[in-house]
Amino acid sequence: MRLFDNWECELFKGSNEPQNHFMRGILSGFFTGLFGVEAEAVENKCIAKGDVFCEFTIREKTSFKD
């Protein structure tokens, strides 16, 4: 999923890491409700890092065990 002209990331231009925390939460909740399994949105590209758009991958959330 790609998002252009994102207000949240425009505020943090020059960052070294993705900054779209609000939208990641919205997307995670939406797809969790849609599919009935816990989902997470991972931001692969970000306007704040200098990319042209923010890009997200939606996947099933997994638990990390030691």
PDB file of N, CA and C in Angstrom:
ATOM      1  N   MET A   1       0.849  -1.148   0.000  1.00  0.00           N
ATOM      2  CA  MET A   1       0.000   0.000   0.000  1.00  0.00           C
ATOM      3  C   MET A   1       0.908   1.229   0.000  1.00  0.00           C
ATOM      4  N   ARG A   2       0.578   2.211  -0.817  1.00  0.00           N
ATOM      5  CA  ARG A   2       1.373   3.435  -0.910  1.00  0.00           C
ATOM      6  C   ARG A   2       0.541   4.641  -0.493  1.00  0.00           C
ATOM      7  N   LEU A   3       1.193   5.548   0.195  1.00  0.00           N
ATOM      8  CA  LEU A   3       0.543   6.763   0.672  1.00  0.00           C
ATOM      9  C   LEU A   3       1.395   7.960   0.263  1.00  0.00           C
ATOM     10  N   PHE A   4       0.790   8.883  -0.468  1.00  0.00           N
ATOM     11  CA  PHE A   4       1.475  10.091  -0.924  1.00  0.00           C
ATOM     12  C   PHE A   4       1.015  11.285  -0.086  1.00  0.00           C
ATOM     13  N   ASP A   5       1.828  12.332  -0.035  1.00  0.00           N
ATOM     14  CA  ASP A   5       1.469  13.582   0.660  1.00  0.00           C
ATOM     15  C   ASP A   5       0.998  13.325   2.087  1.00  0.00           C
ATOM     16  N   ASN A   6       1.777  12.606   2.837  1.00  0.00           N
ATOM     17  CA  ASN A   6       1.416  12.226   4.198  1.00  0.00           C
ATOM     18  C   ASN A   6       1.826  13.319   5.186  1.00  0.00           C
ATOM     19  N   TRP A   7       0.854  13.888   5.874  1.00  0.00           N
ATOM     20  CA  TRP A   7       1.115  14.989   6.803  1.00  0.00           C
ATOM     21  C   TRP A   7       2.065  14.588   7.932  1.00  0.00           C
ATOM     22  N   GLU A   8       1.916  13.376   8.448  1.00  0.00           N
ATOM     23  CA  GLU A   8       2.734  12.942   9.585  1.00  0.00           C
ATOM     24  C   GLU A   8       4.213  12.891   9.214  1.00  0.00           C
ATOM     25  N   CYS A   9       4.515  12.370   8.056  1.00  0.00           N
ATOM     26  CA  CYS A   9       5.911  12.234   7.638  1.00  0.00           C
ATOM     27  C   CYS A   9       6.499  13.551   7.149  1.00  0.00           C
ATOM     28  N   GLU A  10       5.663  14.431   6.632  1.00  0.00           N
ATOM     29  CA  GLU A  10       6.146  15.751   6.214  1.00  0.00           C
ATOM     30  C   GLU A  10       6.750  16.491   7.407  1.00  0.00           C
ATOM     31  N   LEU A  11       6.219  16.267   8.600  1.00  0.00           N
ATOM     32  CA  LEU A  11       6.719  16.929   9.808  1.00  0.00           C
ATOM     33  C   LEU A  11       8.103  16.448  10.221  1.00  0.00           C
ATOM     34  N   PHE A  12       8.479  15.245   9.809  1.00  0.00           N
ATOM     35  CA  PHE A  12       9.730  14.631  10.260  1.00  0.00           C
ATOM     36  C   PHE A  12      10.732  14.414   9.134  1.00  0.00           C
ATOM     37  N   LYS A  13      10.646  15.208   8.073  1.00  0.00           N
ATOM     38  CA  LYS A  13      11.590  15.054   6.956  1.00  0.00           C
ATOM     39  C   LYS A  13      13.024  15.166   7.453  1.00  0.00           C
ATOM     40  N   GLY A  14      13.890  14.319   6.902  1.00  0.00           N
ATOM     41  CA  GLY A  14      15.289  14.277   7.307  1.00  0.00           C
ATOM     42  C   GLY A  14      15.578  13.167   8.304  1.00  0.00           C
ATOM     43  N   SER A  15      14.564  12.398   8.664  1.00  0.00           N
ATOM     44  CA  SER A  15      14.731  11.294   9.609  1.00  0.00           C
ATOM     45  C   SER A  15      15.444  10.118   8.944  1.00  0.00           C
ATOM     46  N   ASN A  16      16.086   9.299   9.738  1.00  0.00           N
ATOM     47  CA  ASN A  16      16.746   8.088   9.238  1.00  0.00           C
ATOM     48  C   ASN A  16      15.842   6.863   9.315  1.00  0.00           C
ATOM     49  N   GLU A  17      14.705   6.990   9.995  1.00  0.00           N
ATOM     50  CA  GLU A  17      13.797   5.861  10.193  1.00  0.00           C
ATOM     51  C   GLU A  17      12.379   6.254   9.776  1.00  0.00           C
ATOM     52  N   PRO A  18      11.557   5.284   9.400  1.00  0.00           N
ATOM     53  CA  PRO A  18      10.159   5.578   9.075  1.00  0.00           C
ATOM     54  C   PRO A  18       9.455   6.237  10.266  1.00  0.00           C
ATOM     55  N   GLN A  19       8.562   7.177   9.998  1.00  0.00           N
ATOM     56  CA  GLN A  19       7.913   7.946  11.063  1.00  0.00           C
ATOM     57  C   GLN A  19       6.391   7.889  11.041  1.00  0.00           C
ATOM     58  N   ASN A  20       5.814   7.029  10.254  1.00  0.00           N
ATOM     59  CA  ASN A  20       4.369   7.016  10.085  1.00  0.00           C
ATOM     60  C   ASN A  20       3.678   6.097  11.090  1.00  0.00           C
ATOM     61  N   HIS A  21       3.854   6.371  12.363  1.00  0.00           N
ATOM     62  CA  HIS A  21       3.338   5.506  13.420  1.00  0.00           C
ATOM     63  C   HIS A  21       1.807   5.510  13.483  1.00  0.00           C
ATOM     64  N   PHE A  22       1.201   6.664  13.275  1.00  0.00           N
ATOM     65  CA  PHE A  22      -0.261   6.770  13.318  1.00  0.00           C
ATOM     66  C   PHE A  22      -0.910   5.880  12.258  1.00  0.00           C
ATOM     67  N   MET A  23      -0.450   5.999  11.020  1.00  0.00           N
ATOM     68  CA  MET A  23      -1.046   5.217   9.930  1.00  0.00           C
ATOM     69  C   MET A  23      -0.759   3.725  10.093  1.00  0.00           C
ATOM     70  N   ARG A  24       0.417   3.362  10.600  1.00  0.00           N
ATOM     71  CA  ARG A  24       0.708   1.941  10.850  1.00  0.00           C
ATOM     72  C   ARG A  24      -0.313   1.362  11.823  1.00  0.00           C
ATOM     73  N   GLY A  25      -0.648   2.129  12.860  1.00  0.00           N
ATOM     74  CA  GLY A  25      -1.647   1.675  13.827  1.00  0.00           C
ATOM     75  C   GLY A  25      -3.031   1.542  13.218  1.00  0.00           C
ATOM     76  N   ILE A  26      -3.412   2.518  12.409  1.00  0.00           N
ATOM     77  CA  ILE A  26      -4.718   2.476  11.737  1.00  0.00           C
ATOM     78  C   ILE A  26      -4.806   1.253  10.821  1.00  0.00           C
ATOM     79  N   LEU A  27      -3.779   1.047  10.007  1.00  0.00           N
ATOM     80  CA  LEU A  27      -3.781  -0.089   9.076  1.00  0.00           C
ATOM     81  C   LEU A  27      -3.773  -1.422   9.818  1.00  0.00           C
ATOM     82  N   SER A  28      -2.985  -1.522  10.879  1.00  0.00           N
ATOM     83  CA  SER A  28      -2.937  -2.766  11.659  1.00  0.00           C
ATOM     84  C   SER A  28      -4.313  -3.097  12.224  1.00  0.00           C
ATOM     85  N   GLY A  29      -4.972  -2.109  12.813  1.00  0.00           N
ATOM     86  CA  GLY A  29      -6.303  -2.322  13.374  1.00  0.00           C
ATOM     87  C   GLY A  29      -7.343  -2.657  12.317  1.00  0.00           C
ATOM     88  N   PHE A  30      -7.284  -1.975  11.189  1.00  0.00           N
ATOM     89  CA  PHE A  30      -8.243  -2.223  10.109  1.00  0.00           C
ATOM     90  C   PHE A  30      -8.135  -3.654   9.596  1.00  0.00           C
ATOM     91  N   PHE A  31      -6.916  -4.098   9.290  1.00  0.00           N
ATOM     92  CA  PHE A  31      -6.749  -5.437   8.732  1.00  0.00           C
ATOM     93  C   PHE A  31      -6.947  -6.532   9.784  1.00  0.00           C
ATOM     94  N   THR A  32      -6.685  -6.233  11.050  1.00  0.00           N
ATOM     95  CA  THR A  32      -7.000  -7.187  12.112  1.00  0.00           C
ATOM     96  C   THR A  32      -8.510  -7.409  12.158  1.00  0.00           C
ATOM     97  N   GLY A  33      -9.275  -6.335  12.109  1.00  0.00           N
ATOM     98  CA  GLY A  33     -10.733  -6.449  12.105  1.00  0.00           C
ATOM     99  C   GLY A  33     -11.271  -7.109  10.848  1.00  0.00           C
ATOM    100  N   LEU A  34     -10.678  -6.803   9.721  1.00  0.00           N
ATOM    101  CA  LEU A  34     -11.141  -7.344   8.443  1.00  0.00           C
ATOM    102  C   LEU A  34     -10.940  -8.852   8.343  1.00  0.00           C
ATOM    103  N   PHE A  35      -9.759  -9.321   8.761  1.00  0.00           N
ATOM    104  CA  PHE A  35      -9.423 -10.738   8.590  1.00  0.00           C
ATOM    105  C   PHE A  35      -9.577 -11.577   9.856  1.00  0.00           C
ATOM    106  N   GLY A  36      -9.753 -10.942  11.005  1.00  0.00           N
ATOM    107  CA  GLY A  36      -9.937 -11.687  12.239  1.00  0.00           C
ATOM    108  C   GLY A  36      -8.671 -12.310  12.797  1.00  0.00           C
ATOM    109  N   VAL A  37      -7.520 -11.900  12.305  1.00  0.00           N
ATOM    110  CA  VAL A  37      -6.230 -12.324  12.859  1.00  0.00           C
ATOM    111  C   VAL A  37      -5.416 -11.063  13.115  1.00  0.00           C
ATOM    112  N   GLU A  38      -4.547 -11.112  14.106  1.00  0.00           N
ATOM    113  CA  GLU A  38      -3.764  -9.926  14.433  1.00  0.00           C
ATOM    114  C   GLU A  38      -2.798  -9.603  13.298  1.00  0.00           C
ATOM    115  N   ALA A  39      -2.936  -8.413  12.755  1.00  0.00           N
ATOM    116  CA  ALA A  39      -2.116  -7.980  11.623  1.00  0.00           C
ATOM    117  C   ALA A  39      -1.194  -6.850  12.061  1.00  0.00           C
ATOM    118  N   GLU A  40      -0.131  -6.651  11.300  1.00  0.00           N
ATOM    119  CA  GLU A  40       0.751  -5.515  11.547  1.00  0.00           C
ATOM    120  C   GLU A  40       1.122  -4.876  10.218  1.00  0.00           C
ATOM    121  N   ALA A  41       1.294  -3.581  10.255  1.00  0.00           N
ATOM    122  CA  ALA A  41       1.728  -2.832   9.080  1.00  0.00           C
ATOM    123  C   ALA A  41       3.202  -2.491   9.271  1.00  0.00           C
ATOM    124  N   VAL A  42       4.004  -2.814   8.283  1.00  0.00           N
ATOM    125  CA  VAL A  42       5.437  -2.526   8.316  1.00  0.00           C
ATOM    126  C   VAL A  42       5.709  -1.464   7.257  1.00  0.00           C
ATOM    127  N   GLU A  43       6.341  -0.367   7.668  1.00  0.00           N
ATOM    128  CA  GLU A  43       6.632   0.717   6.730  1.00  0.00           C
ATOM    129  C   GLU A  43       7.988   0.479   6.079  1.00  0.00           C
ATOM    130  N   ASN A  44       7.975   0.254   4.772  1.00  0.00           N
ATOM    131  CA  ASN A  44       9.191  -0.048   4.021  1.00  0.00           C
ATOM    132  C   ASN A  44       9.848   1.190   3.435  1.00  0.00           C
ATOM    133  N   LYS A  45       9.040   2.156   3.045  1.00  0.00           N
ATOM    134  CA  LYS A  45       9.535   3.426   2.504  1.00  0.00           C
ATOM    135  C   LYS A  45       8.807   4.539   3.232  1.00  0.00           C
ATOM    136  N   CYS A  46       9.473   5.697   3.340  1.00  0.00           N
ATOM    137  CA  CYS A  46       8.876   6.783   4.108  1.00  0.00           C
ATOM    138  C   CYS A  46       9.295   8.141   3.550  1.00  0.00           C
ATOM    139  N   ILE A  47       8.332   9.027   3.432  1.00  0.00           N
ATOM    140  CA  ILE A  47       8.596  10.391   2.988  1.00  0.00           C
ATOM    141  C   ILE A  47       9.595  11.067   3.923  1.00  0.00           C
ATOM    142  N   ALA A  48       9.502  10.781   5.213  1.00  0.00           N
ATOM    143  CA  ALA A  48      10.417  11.386   6.188  1.00  0.00           C
ATOM    144  C   ALA A  48      11.873  11.010   5.918  1.00  0.00           C
ATOM    145  N   LYS A  49      12.097   9.854   5.306  1.00  0.00           N
ATOM    146  CA  LYS A  49      13.458   9.406   4.972  1.00  0.00           C
ATOM    147  C   LYS A  49      13.906   9.895   3.603  1.00  0.00           C
ATOM    148  N   GLY A  50      13.044  10.605   2.897  1.00  0.00           N
ATOM    149  CA  GLY A  50      13.395  11.109   1.577  1.00  0.00           C
ATOM    150  C   GLY A  50      12.765  10.354   0.424  1.00  0.00           C
ATOM    151  N   ASP A  51      11.964   9.333   0.718  1.00  0.00           N
ATOM    152  CA  ASP A  51      11.272   8.600  -0.344  1.00  0.00           C
ATOM    153  C   ASP A  51      10.122   9.448  -0.888  1.00  0.00           C
ATOM    154  N   VAL A  52       9.678   9.155  -2.094  1.00  0.00           N
ATOM    155  CA  VAL A  52       8.599   9.905  -2.742  1.00  0.00           C
ATOM    156  C   VAL A  52       7.253   9.615  -2.083  1.00  0.00           C
ATOM    157  N   PHE A  53       7.102   8.439  -1.498  1.00  0.00           N
ATOM    158  CA  PHE A  53       5.852   8.031  -0.861  1.00  0.00           C
ATOM    159  C   PHE A  53       6.172   7.130   0.320  1.00  0.00           C
ATOM    160  N   CYS A  54       5.181   6.910   1.163  1.00  0.00           N
ATOM    161  CA  CYS A  54       5.297   5.925   2.237  1.00  0.00           C
ATOM    162  C   CYS A  54       4.704   4.620   1.701  1.00  0.00           C
ATOM    163  N   GLU A  55       5.371   3.514   1.960  1.00  0.00           N
ATOM    164  CA  GLU A  55       4.906   2.213   1.472  1.00  0.00           C
ATOM    165  C   GLU A  55       4.838   1.243   2.643  1.00  0.00           C
ATOM    166  N   PHE A  56       3.725   0.532   2.722  1.00  0.00           N
ATOM    167  CA  PHE A  56       3.478  -0.400   3.817  1.00  0.00           C
ATOM    168  C   PHE A  56       3.255  -1.808   3.289  1.00  0.00           C
ATOM    169  N   THR A  57       3.733  -2.776   4.047  1.00  0.00           N
ATOM    170  CA  THR A  57       3.416  -4.177   3.829  1.00  0.00           C
ATOM    171  C   THR A  57       2.546  -4.603   5.007  1.00  0.00           C
ATOM    172  N   ILE A  58       1.441  -5.252   4.725  1.00  0.00           N
ATOM    173  CA  ILE A  58       0.552  -5.745   5.771  1.00  0.00           C
ATOM    174  C   ILE A  58       0.772  -7.246   5.880  1.00  0.00           C
ATOM    175  N   ARG A  59       0.993  -7.710   7.097  1.00  0.00           N
ATOM    176  CA  ARG A  59       1.233  -9.142   7.301  1.00  0.00           C
ATOM    177  C   ARG A  59       0.650  -9.575   8.642  1.00  0.00           C
ATOM    178  N   GLU A  60       0.532 -10.878   8.804  1.00  0.00           N
ATOM    179  CA  GLU A  60       0.067 -11.414  10.076  1.00  0.00           C
ATOM    180  C   GLU A  60       1.146 -11.178  11.119  1.00  0.00           C
ATOM    181  N   LYS A  61       0.726 -10.700  12.282  1.00  0.00           N
ATOM    182  CA  LYS A  61       1.682 -10.428  13.356  1.00  0.00           C
ATOM    183  C   LYS A  61       2.148 -11.746  13.959  1.00  0.00           C
ATOM    184  N   THR A  62       3.444 -11.854  14.164  1.00  0.00           N
ATOM    185  CA  THR A  62       4.016 -13.064  14.751  1.00  0.00           C
ATOM    186  C   THR A  62       4.668 -12.721  16.076  1.00  0.00           C
ATOM    187  N   SER A  63       4.721 -13.695  16.950  1.00  0.00           N
ATOM    188  CA  SER A  63       5.389 -13.512  18.234  1.00  0.00           C
ATOM    189  C   SER A  63       6.835 -13.928  18.109  1.00  0.00           C
ATOM    190  N   PHE A  64       7.699 -13.160  18.727  1.00  0.00           N
ATOM    191  CA  PHE A  64       9.115 -13.504  18.737  1.00  0.00           C
ATOM    192  C   PHE A  64       9.431 -14.176  20.062  1.00  0.00           C
ATOM    193  N   LYS A  65       9.986 -15.362  19.975  1.00  0.00           N
ATOM    194  CA  LYS A  65      10.331 -16.110  21.184  1.00  0.00           C
ATOM    195  C   LYS A  65      11.830 -16.332  21.219  1.00  0.00           C
ATOM    196  N   ASP A  66      12.400 -16.231  22.409  1.00  0.00           N
ATOM    197  CA  ASP A  66      13.847 -16.477  22.567  1.00  0.00           C
ATOM    198  C   ASP A  66      14.145 -17.950  22.614  1.00  0.00           C
TER     199      ASP A  66
END
